[in-house]
N, C-alpha and C. Protein backbone atom coordinates (compact mmCIF):
# COMPACT_ATOMS: atom_id res chain seq x y z
N MET A 1 -257.09 -42.23 1.88
CA MET A 1 -256.58 -41.72 0.63
C MET A 1 -256.13 -42.91 -0.20
N THR A 2 -256.51 -42.96 -1.48
CA THR A 2 -256.15 -44.08 -2.33
C THR A 2 -254.69 -44.00 -2.74
N ARG A 3 -254.18 -45.10 -3.26
CA ARG A 3 -252.79 -45.17 -3.69
C ARG A 3 -252.53 -44.17 -4.81
N LYS A 4 -253.50 -44.02 -5.75
CA LYS A 4 -253.34 -43.07 -6.85
C LYS A 4 -253.26 -41.65 -6.32
N ASN A 5 -254.12 -41.32 -5.35
CA ASN A 5 -254.12 -39.97 -4.79
C ASN A 5 -252.81 -39.68 -4.07
N VAL A 6 -252.30 -40.67 -3.33
CA VAL A 6 -251.04 -40.51 -2.62
C VAL A 6 -249.90 -40.31 -3.62
N THR A 7 -249.90 -41.10 -4.69
CA THR A 7 -248.87 -40.96 -5.72
C THR A 7 -248.92 -39.58 -6.35
N GLY A 8 -250.11 -39.12 -6.71
CA GLY A 8 -250.27 -37.80 -7.32
C GLY A 8 -249.80 -36.70 -6.37
N LEU A 9 -250.14 -36.83 -5.08
CA LEU A 9 -249.73 -35.85 -4.08
C LEU A 9 -248.22 -35.84 -3.93
N LEU A 10 -247.60 -37.02 -3.92
CA LEU A 10 -246.14 -37.10 -3.80
C LEU A 10 -245.45 -36.44 -4.99
N VAL A 11 -246.00 -36.63 -6.21
CA VAL A 11 -245.43 -36.00 -7.40
C VAL A 11 -245.46 -34.48 -7.26
N VAL A 12 -246.61 -33.95 -6.82
CA VAL A 12 -246.75 -32.50 -6.65
C VAL A 12 -245.80 -31.99 -5.57
N LEU A 13 -245.72 -32.69 -4.44
CA LEU A 13 -244.83 -32.26 -3.36
C LEU A 13 -243.37 -32.33 -3.78
N LEU A 14 -242.97 -33.39 -4.49
CA LEU A 14 -241.61 -33.53 -4.96
C LEU A 14 -241.26 -32.39 -5.91
N ALA A 15 -242.17 -32.04 -6.81
CA ALA A 15 -241.93 -30.95 -7.75
C ALA A 15 -241.76 -29.63 -7.01
N ALA A 16 -242.58 -29.42 -5.97
CA ALA A 16 -242.48 -28.19 -5.18
C ALA A 16 -241.14 -28.11 -4.45
N VAL A 17 -240.71 -29.22 -3.85
CA VAL A 17 -239.44 -29.24 -3.13
C VAL A 17 -238.28 -29.03 -4.10
N MET A 18 -238.34 -29.69 -5.25
CA MET A 18 -237.27 -29.55 -6.24
C MET A 18 -237.20 -28.11 -6.74
N GLY A 19 -238.36 -27.49 -6.98
CA GLY A 19 -238.39 -26.11 -7.43
C GLY A 19 -237.84 -25.17 -6.37
N ALA A 20 -238.17 -25.40 -5.11
CA ALA A 20 -237.73 -24.53 -4.01
C ALA A 20 -236.22 -24.66 -3.77
N THR A 21 -235.65 -25.83 -4.06
CA THR A 21 -234.22 -26.04 -3.82
C THR A 21 -233.38 -25.73 -5.04
N GLY A 22 -234.02 -25.36 -6.15
CA GLY A 22 -233.27 -25.02 -7.35
C GLY A 22 -232.93 -26.21 -8.22
N LEU A 23 -233.39 -27.39 -7.85
CA LEU A 23 -233.15 -28.56 -8.67
C LEU A 23 -234.05 -28.52 -9.90
N ALA A 24 -233.64 -29.18 -10.94
CA ALA A 24 -234.42 -29.18 -12.18
C ALA A 24 -235.76 -29.87 -11.97
N VAL A 25 -236.82 -29.25 -12.47
CA VAL A 25 -238.16 -29.82 -12.40
C VAL A 25 -238.52 -30.27 -13.81
N PRO A 26 -238.94 -31.52 -13.99
CA PRO A 26 -239.29 -31.98 -15.33
C PRO A 26 -240.45 -31.17 -15.89
N ALA A 27 -240.46 -30.98 -17.23
CA ALA A 27 -241.51 -30.20 -17.87
C ALA A 27 -242.86 -30.88 -17.73
N PHE A 28 -242.90 -32.19 -17.82
CA PHE A 28 -244.14 -32.94 -17.71
C PHE A 28 -243.95 -34.10 -16.75
N ALA A 29 -245.01 -34.49 -16.06
CA ALA A 29 -244.96 -35.62 -15.13
C ALA A 29 -246.17 -36.51 -15.39
N GLU A 30 -245.94 -37.83 -15.44
CA GLU A 30 -247.04 -38.76 -15.66
C GLU A 30 -248.01 -38.72 -14.50
N TYR A 31 -249.28 -38.87 -14.80
CA TYR A 31 -250.28 -38.85 -13.74
C TYR A 31 -250.97 -40.21 -13.65
N GLU A 32 -251.78 -40.57 -14.64
CA GLU A 32 -252.40 -41.89 -14.61
C GLU A 32 -252.94 -42.24 -15.99
N GLN A 33 -253.26 -43.51 -16.17
CA GLN A 33 -253.79 -43.99 -17.44
C GLN A 33 -255.30 -44.08 -17.40
N GLY A 34 -255.90 -43.82 -18.55
CA GLY A 34 -257.35 -43.93 -18.66
C GLY A 34 -257.78 -43.97 -20.10
N GLN A 35 -259.07 -44.02 -20.29
CA GLN A 35 -259.67 -43.99 -21.62
C GLN A 35 -260.26 -42.61 -21.86
N VAL A 36 -260.10 -42.12 -23.08
CA VAL A 36 -260.70 -40.86 -23.49
C VAL A 36 -261.93 -41.23 -24.31
N ILE A 37 -263.12 -40.89 -23.80
CA ILE A 37 -264.36 -41.37 -24.39
C ILE A 37 -265.19 -40.20 -24.90
N ASP A 38 -265.61 -40.29 -26.16
CA ASP A 38 -266.53 -39.30 -26.72
C ASP A 38 -267.88 -39.52 -26.05
N LYS A 39 -268.37 -38.50 -25.36
CA LYS A 39 -269.60 -38.66 -24.60
C LYS A 39 -270.83 -38.90 -25.48
N PHE A 40 -270.81 -38.39 -26.71
CA PHE A 40 -271.97 -38.53 -27.57
C PHE A 40 -272.03 -39.92 -28.22
N THR A 41 -270.89 -40.41 -28.70
CA THR A 41 -270.87 -41.71 -29.39
C THR A 41 -270.59 -42.86 -28.43
N GLY A 42 -269.95 -42.57 -27.28
CA GLY A 42 -269.55 -43.63 -26.36
C GLY A 42 -268.34 -44.40 -26.85
N ARG A 43 -267.69 -43.91 -27.91
CA ARG A 43 -266.52 -44.58 -28.48
C ARG A 43 -265.24 -44.04 -27.86
N CYS A 44 -264.21 -44.89 -27.82
CA CYS A 44 -262.93 -44.52 -27.20
C CYS A 44 -261.92 -44.02 -28.22
N LEU A 45 -261.13 -43.04 -27.79
CA LEU A 45 -260.02 -42.56 -28.60
C LEU A 45 -259.02 -43.70 -28.73
N ASP A 46 -258.57 -43.96 -29.94
CA ASP A 46 -257.74 -45.11 -30.25
C ASP A 46 -256.63 -44.66 -31.20
N SER A 47 -255.56 -45.43 -31.27
CA SER A 47 -254.45 -45.09 -32.16
C SER A 47 -253.68 -46.34 -32.53
N ASN A 48 -252.84 -46.21 -33.56
CA ASN A 48 -252.01 -47.35 -33.98
C ASN A 48 -250.57 -46.91 -34.16
N ASP A 49 -249.70 -47.86 -34.53
CA ASP A 49 -248.27 -47.59 -34.68
C ASP A 49 -247.96 -46.64 -35.83
N GLN A 50 -248.88 -46.48 -36.76
CA GLN A 50 -248.67 -45.57 -37.90
C GLN A 50 -249.04 -44.13 -37.55
N GLY A 51 -249.53 -43.90 -36.34
CA GLY A 51 -249.87 -42.55 -35.90
C GLY A 51 -251.29 -42.13 -36.21
N GLU A 52 -252.09 -43.06 -36.73
CA GLU A 52 -253.49 -42.73 -37.02
C GLU A 52 -254.28 -42.67 -35.72
N VAL A 53 -255.20 -41.72 -35.64
CA VAL A 53 -256.07 -41.57 -34.47
C VAL A 53 -257.50 -41.63 -34.93
N TYR A 54 -258.33 -42.36 -34.18
CA TYR A 54 -259.72 -42.60 -34.54
C TYR A 54 -260.46 -43.00 -33.27
N THR A 55 -261.76 -43.20 -33.36
CA THR A 55 -262.49 -43.78 -32.23
C THR A 55 -263.04 -45.13 -32.64
N LEU A 56 -263.13 -46.03 -31.67
CA LEU A 56 -263.70 -47.36 -31.85
C LEU A 56 -264.54 -47.67 -30.61
N PRO A 57 -265.43 -48.67 -30.70
CA PRO A 57 -266.12 -49.09 -29.48
C PRO A 57 -265.08 -49.42 -28.40
N CYS A 58 -265.36 -49.07 -27.18
CA CYS A 58 -264.41 -49.26 -26.08
C CYS A 58 -264.25 -50.74 -25.75
N TYR A 59 -263.02 -51.22 -25.81
CA TYR A 59 -262.74 -52.60 -25.40
C TYR A 59 -261.54 -52.67 -24.49
N GLY A 60 -260.91 -51.52 -24.19
CA GLY A 60 -259.94 -51.43 -23.11
C GLY A 60 -258.54 -51.94 -23.36
N ASN A 61 -258.15 -52.20 -24.62
CA ASN A 61 -256.76 -52.62 -24.81
C ASN A 61 -255.85 -51.40 -24.72
N ASN A 62 -254.54 -51.62 -24.79
CA ASN A 62 -253.58 -50.53 -24.61
C ASN A 62 -253.67 -49.44 -25.66
N ASN A 63 -254.18 -49.76 -26.86
CA ASN A 63 -254.33 -48.73 -27.89
C ASN A 63 -255.40 -47.71 -27.49
N GLN A 64 -256.27 -48.06 -26.57
CA GLN A 64 -257.31 -47.15 -26.10
C GLN A 64 -256.98 -46.57 -24.72
N ARG A 65 -255.81 -46.85 -24.23
CA ARG A 65 -255.38 -46.29 -22.94
C ARG A 65 -254.41 -45.15 -23.21
N TRP A 66 -254.66 -44.06 -22.53
CA TRP A 66 -253.85 -42.86 -22.70
C TRP A 66 -253.34 -42.42 -21.34
N THR A 67 -252.05 -42.15 -21.25
CA THR A 67 -251.48 -41.63 -20.01
C THR A 67 -251.63 -40.11 -20.02
N TYR A 68 -252.24 -39.60 -18.99
CA TYR A 68 -252.42 -38.17 -18.79
C TYR A 68 -251.11 -37.66 -18.21
N VAL A 69 -250.36 -36.92 -19.01
CA VAL A 69 -249.06 -36.41 -18.62
C VAL A 69 -249.20 -34.91 -18.46
N THR A 70 -249.03 -34.40 -17.23
CA THR A 70 -249.34 -33.00 -16.95
C THR A 70 -248.11 -32.18 -16.61
N LYS A 71 -248.16 -30.90 -16.94
CA LYS A 71 -247.13 -29.97 -16.49
C LYS A 71 -247.40 -29.72 -15.01
N THR A 72 -246.42 -29.99 -14.18
CA THR A 72 -246.62 -29.89 -12.74
C THR A 72 -246.74 -28.45 -12.27
N ARG A 73 -246.33 -27.48 -13.08
CA ARG A 73 -246.37 -26.09 -12.64
C ARG A 73 -247.70 -25.41 -12.91
N THR A 74 -248.64 -26.08 -13.53
CA THR A 74 -249.90 -25.46 -13.90
C THR A 74 -250.95 -25.74 -12.83
N ALA A 75 -251.75 -24.75 -12.51
CA ALA A 75 -252.74 -24.87 -11.44
C ALA A 75 -254.14 -25.14 -11.99
N PRO A 76 -255.01 -25.74 -11.19
CA PRO A 76 -256.40 -25.97 -11.57
C PRO A 76 -257.10 -24.64 -11.81
N PRO A 77 -258.27 -24.60 -12.46
CA PRO A 77 -259.07 -25.74 -12.90
C PRO A 77 -258.67 -26.30 -14.26
N TYR A 78 -257.71 -25.70 -14.94
CA TYR A 78 -257.26 -26.21 -16.23
C TYR A 78 -255.79 -26.57 -16.11
N ARG A 79 -255.37 -27.55 -16.86
CA ARG A 79 -253.98 -27.97 -16.85
C ARG A 79 -253.51 -28.17 -18.28
N ASP A 80 -252.27 -27.84 -18.54
CA ASP A 80 -251.65 -28.21 -19.80
C ASP A 80 -251.24 -29.67 -19.64
N PHE A 81 -251.59 -30.48 -20.63
CA PHE A 81 -251.24 -31.89 -20.53
C PHE A 81 -250.98 -32.47 -21.91
N LYS A 82 -250.34 -33.60 -21.90
CA LYS A 82 -250.17 -34.42 -23.10
C LYS A 82 -250.95 -35.70 -22.87
N LEU A 83 -251.40 -36.32 -23.96
CA LEU A 83 -252.01 -37.64 -23.89
C LEU A 83 -251.09 -38.59 -24.65
N GLN A 84 -250.48 -39.51 -23.89
CA GLN A 84 -249.53 -40.46 -24.46
C GLN A 84 -250.18 -41.83 -24.56
N ASN A 85 -250.18 -42.39 -25.76
CA ASN A 85 -250.81 -43.68 -25.98
C ASN A 85 -250.01 -44.78 -25.30
N ALA A 86 -250.69 -45.63 -24.53
CA ALA A 86 -250.02 -46.69 -23.76
C ALA A 86 -249.40 -47.76 -24.65
N ALA A 87 -250.00 -48.03 -25.80
CA ALA A 87 -249.48 -49.08 -26.68
C ALA A 87 -248.30 -48.60 -27.51
N THR A 88 -248.37 -47.39 -28.02
CA THR A 88 -247.36 -46.90 -28.97
C THR A 88 -246.32 -46.00 -28.32
N GLY A 89 -246.65 -45.40 -27.17
CA GLY A 89 -245.76 -44.44 -26.54
C GLY A 89 -245.75 -43.09 -27.23
N ARG A 90 -246.58 -42.92 -28.25
CA ARG A 90 -246.64 -41.67 -29.02
C ARG A 90 -247.67 -40.72 -28.39
N CYS A 91 -247.51 -39.43 -28.63
CA CYS A 91 -248.39 -38.42 -28.04
C CYS A 91 -249.40 -37.89 -29.06
N LEU A 92 -250.60 -37.58 -28.55
CA LEU A 92 -251.64 -36.97 -29.37
C LEU A 92 -251.13 -35.64 -29.88
N ASP A 93 -251.29 -35.40 -31.17
CA ASP A 93 -250.74 -34.24 -31.84
C ASP A 93 -251.78 -33.74 -32.84
N SER A 94 -251.64 -32.51 -33.27
CA SER A 94 -252.56 -31.97 -34.29
C SER A 94 -251.87 -30.84 -35.03
N ASN A 95 -252.59 -30.27 -35.99
CA ASN A 95 -252.06 -29.11 -36.71
C ASN A 95 -253.17 -28.08 -36.92
N SER A 96 -252.82 -26.97 -37.53
CA SER A 96 -253.78 -25.87 -37.72
C SER A 96 -254.89 -26.22 -38.71
N GLN A 97 -254.70 -27.26 -39.51
CA GLN A 97 -255.72 -27.69 -40.47
C GLN A 97 -256.77 -28.60 -39.85
N GLY A 98 -256.58 -28.99 -38.59
CA GLY A 98 -257.55 -29.82 -37.90
C GLY A 98 -257.23 -31.30 -37.92
N ASN A 99 -256.11 -31.68 -38.48
CA ASN A 99 -255.71 -33.10 -38.49
C ASN A 99 -255.25 -33.52 -37.10
N VAL A 100 -255.59 -34.73 -36.71
CA VAL A 100 -255.17 -35.29 -35.42
C VAL A 100 -254.46 -36.60 -35.70
N TYR A 101 -253.33 -36.81 -35.03
CA TYR A 101 -252.48 -37.98 -35.23
C TYR A 101 -251.61 -38.11 -34.00
N THR A 102 -250.74 -39.11 -33.96
CA THR A 102 -249.75 -39.20 -32.89
C THR A 102 -248.36 -39.12 -33.51
N LEU A 103 -247.45 -38.57 -32.73
CA LEU A 103 -246.03 -38.50 -33.09
C LEU A 103 -245.22 -38.83 -31.84
N PRO A 104 -243.93 -39.13 -32.00
CA PRO A 104 -243.11 -39.30 -30.81
C PRO A 104 -243.25 -38.07 -29.91
N CYS A 105 -243.31 -38.29 -28.61
CA CYS A 105 -243.53 -37.19 -27.65
C CYS A 105 -242.33 -36.26 -27.62
N GLN A 106 -242.61 -34.96 -27.62
CA GLN A 106 -241.58 -33.93 -27.57
C GLN A 106 -242.07 -32.84 -26.60
N ASP A 107 -241.29 -32.57 -25.56
CA ASP A 107 -241.69 -31.56 -24.58
C ASP A 107 -241.91 -30.19 -25.20
N TRP A 108 -241.14 -29.84 -26.21
CA TRP A 108 -241.21 -28.50 -26.79
C TRP A 108 -242.30 -28.36 -27.85
N ASN A 109 -242.96 -29.44 -28.23
CA ASN A 109 -243.97 -29.40 -29.29
C ASN A 109 -245.31 -28.93 -28.74
N THR A 110 -245.67 -27.66 -28.96
CA THR A 110 -246.92 -27.12 -28.41
C THR A 110 -248.15 -27.72 -29.08
N TYR A 111 -248.00 -28.32 -30.25
CA TYR A 111 -249.13 -29.01 -30.89
C TYR A 111 -249.51 -30.27 -30.11
N GLN A 112 -248.61 -30.75 -29.24
CA GLN A 112 -248.89 -31.92 -28.41
C GLN A 112 -249.40 -31.54 -27.03
N SER A 113 -249.53 -30.26 -26.78
CA SER A 113 -250.00 -29.78 -25.48
C SER A 113 -251.48 -29.42 -25.59
N TRP A 114 -252.26 -29.90 -24.62
CA TRP A 114 -253.71 -29.72 -24.61
C TRP A 114 -254.13 -29.14 -23.27
N TYR A 115 -255.29 -28.57 -23.20
CA TYR A 115 -255.79 -28.11 -21.92
C TYR A 115 -257.27 -28.40 -21.79
N GLY A 116 -257.72 -28.46 -20.56
CA GLY A 116 -259.12 -28.75 -20.26
C GLY A 116 -259.27 -28.93 -18.77
N PRO A 117 -260.48 -29.17 -18.29
CA PRO A 117 -260.70 -29.38 -16.86
C PRO A 117 -259.89 -30.57 -16.33
N LEU A 118 -259.80 -30.65 -15.05
CA LEU A 118 -259.04 -31.72 -14.41
C LEU A 118 -259.60 -33.10 -14.73
N LEU A 119 -258.84 -34.12 -14.41
CA LEU A 119 -259.24 -35.50 -14.63
C LEU A 119 -260.60 -35.81 -14.00
N ASN A 120 -261.28 -36.77 -14.62
CA ASN A 120 -262.56 -37.30 -14.16
C ASN A 120 -263.68 -36.26 -14.17
N HIS A 121 -263.46 -35.18 -14.88
CA HIS A 121 -264.52 -34.19 -15.06
C HIS A 121 -265.55 -34.80 -16.00
N ALA A 122 -266.81 -34.64 -15.72
CA ALA A 122 -267.87 -35.31 -16.48
C ALA A 122 -268.00 -34.80 -17.91
N ASP A 123 -267.62 -33.57 -18.16
CA ASP A 123 -267.80 -33.00 -19.49
C ASP A 123 -266.56 -32.19 -19.82
N LEU A 124 -265.75 -32.70 -20.73
CA LEU A 124 -264.41 -32.17 -20.97
C LEU A 124 -264.25 -31.72 -22.41
N TYR A 125 -263.87 -30.47 -22.63
CA TYR A 125 -263.40 -30.02 -23.94
C TYR A 125 -261.90 -30.20 -23.93
N ILE A 126 -261.36 -30.97 -24.85
CA ILE A 126 -259.92 -31.16 -24.95
C ILE A 126 -259.44 -30.20 -26.03
N THR A 127 -258.76 -29.14 -25.60
CA THR A 127 -258.41 -28.03 -26.48
C THR A 127 -256.91 -27.99 -26.71
N ASN A 128 -256.50 -27.85 -27.98
CA ASN A 128 -255.09 -27.78 -28.31
C ASN A 128 -254.50 -26.45 -27.85
N ASP A 129 -253.36 -26.53 -27.18
CA ASP A 129 -252.71 -25.36 -26.62
C ASP A 129 -252.27 -24.35 -27.68
N PHE A 130 -251.86 -24.83 -28.84
CA PHE A 130 -251.34 -23.93 -29.87
C PHE A 130 -252.43 -23.40 -30.79
N THR A 131 -253.31 -24.29 -31.25
CA THR A 131 -254.33 -23.88 -32.23
C THR A 131 -255.62 -23.41 -31.57
N HIS A 132 -255.84 -23.78 -30.31
CA HIS A 132 -257.07 -23.50 -29.56
C HIS A 132 -258.29 -24.17 -30.21
N ARG A 133 -258.03 -25.18 -31.02
CA ARG A 133 -259.11 -25.97 -31.61
C ARG A 133 -259.42 -27.13 -30.67
N VAL A 134 -260.66 -27.60 -30.70
CA VAL A 134 -261.16 -28.60 -29.76
C VAL A 134 -261.19 -29.97 -30.43
N LEU A 135 -260.82 -31.01 -29.67
CA LEU A 135 -260.89 -32.37 -30.17
C LEU A 135 -262.34 -32.70 -30.52
N ASP A 136 -262.56 -33.25 -31.69
CA ASP A 136 -263.90 -33.48 -32.23
C ASP A 136 -263.90 -34.85 -32.91
N SER A 137 -265.08 -35.43 -33.10
CA SER A 137 -265.18 -36.72 -33.80
C SER A 137 -266.55 -36.85 -34.44
N ASN A 138 -266.80 -38.01 -35.03
CA ASN A 138 -268.11 -38.27 -35.62
C ASN A 138 -268.44 -39.76 -35.45
N THR A 139 -269.62 -40.15 -35.90
CA THR A 139 -270.06 -41.55 -35.74
C THR A 139 -269.27 -42.51 -36.62
N SER A 140 -268.54 -42.00 -37.61
CA SER A 140 -267.71 -42.86 -38.47
C SER A 140 -266.36 -43.18 -37.83
N GLY A 141 -266.06 -42.56 -36.68
CA GLY A 141 -264.81 -42.84 -35.99
C GLY A 141 -263.69 -41.89 -36.35
N GLN A 142 -263.96 -40.89 -37.19
CA GLN A 142 -262.93 -39.92 -37.53
C GLN A 142 -262.70 -38.98 -36.34
N VAL A 143 -261.44 -38.59 -36.15
CA VAL A 143 -261.08 -37.65 -35.09
C VAL A 143 -260.32 -36.50 -35.73
N TYR A 144 -260.65 -35.29 -35.31
CA TYR A 144 -260.05 -34.08 -35.86
C TYR A 144 -260.25 -32.98 -34.83
N THR A 145 -259.73 -31.80 -35.10
CA THR A 145 -260.02 -30.65 -34.24
C THR A 145 -260.86 -29.66 -35.03
N ASN A 146 -261.61 -28.87 -34.28
CA ASN A 146 -262.52 -27.91 -34.87
C ASN A 146 -262.63 -26.73 -33.92
N ASN A 147 -263.18 -25.64 -34.37
CA ASN A 147 -263.48 -24.54 -33.47
C ASN A 147 -264.51 -25.02 -32.45
N ARG A 148 -264.39 -24.53 -31.24
CA ARG A 148 -265.33 -24.94 -30.19
C ARG A 148 -266.74 -24.47 -30.54
N GLN A 149 -267.68 -25.42 -30.43
CA GLN A 149 -269.08 -25.15 -30.74
C GLN A 149 -269.92 -25.66 -29.57
N GLU A 150 -270.58 -24.75 -28.87
CA GLU A 150 -271.34 -25.12 -27.68
C GLU A 150 -272.40 -26.19 -27.95
N ASN A 151 -272.95 -26.22 -29.15
CA ASN A 151 -274.02 -27.18 -29.46
C ASN A 151 -273.51 -28.44 -30.16
N ASN A 152 -272.21 -28.64 -30.21
CA ASN A 152 -271.62 -29.81 -30.87
C ASN A 152 -271.31 -30.87 -29.81
N ASP A 153 -272.20 -31.85 -29.67
CA ASP A 153 -272.04 -32.89 -28.65
C ASP A 153 -270.83 -33.79 -28.90
N TYR A 154 -270.33 -33.84 -30.13
CA TYR A 154 -269.16 -34.67 -30.43
C TYR A 154 -267.88 -34.10 -29.83
N GLN A 155 -267.91 -32.87 -29.34
CA GLN A 155 -266.73 -32.25 -28.75
C GLN A 155 -266.65 -32.45 -27.24
N HIS A 156 -267.59 -33.19 -26.70
CA HIS A 156 -267.62 -33.45 -25.26
C HIS A 156 -267.00 -34.81 -25.00
N TRP A 157 -265.97 -34.83 -24.17
CA TRP A 157 -265.22 -36.05 -23.86
C TRP A 157 -265.20 -36.27 -22.37
N THR A 158 -264.89 -37.48 -21.97
CA THR A 158 -264.64 -37.77 -20.57
C THR A 158 -263.36 -38.59 -20.49
N TYR A 159 -262.62 -38.41 -19.42
CA TYR A 159 -261.39 -39.17 -19.17
C TYR A 159 -261.70 -40.11 -18.02
N CYS A 160 -261.68 -41.38 -18.32
CA CYS A 160 -262.11 -42.38 -17.34
C CYS A 160 -260.97 -43.33 -17.04
N THR A 161 -260.71 -43.57 -15.76
CA THR A 161 -259.68 -44.53 -15.38
C THR A 161 -260.25 -45.94 -15.28
N CYS A 162 -261.42 -46.14 -15.83
CA CYS A 162 -262.07 -47.45 -15.84
C CYS A 162 -261.66 -48.22 -17.09
N TYR A 163 -261.76 -49.55 -17.04
CA TYR A 163 -261.44 -50.38 -18.21
C TYR A 163 -262.50 -51.45 -18.34
């Protein structure tokens, strides 16, 4: 078992023990860092200190690294999660108009909560928990949310722990 797997297992077990003993369980728990890659363009989700979100060619700096922060109480195959930018510490956020940006992370902000298949899934729709709109992009590097479209290849993402 790898160190990452052991760490993930310990987080889950600790949350279970804390829940069973009545101790407070955190709303979200960090899991691991990776790159969020648009499968069609091959570009990485990126962000800056001003909260702008876009895609750029993958070069692996901290602006392209996102920590997958998951609610420990949610079961597979889908999980509620936040994506926290490693460079800025801000969380991926959106609104009902389809705008995507980052803001300081807030546990109660449902616009910062996303769902989709588990990590390292080859084909991932990243869907906003509140709007149910899917993370989308284009070849110009713009990132936004849109209604899920089965034939829209720009809505297919992968979460990779590679750099």
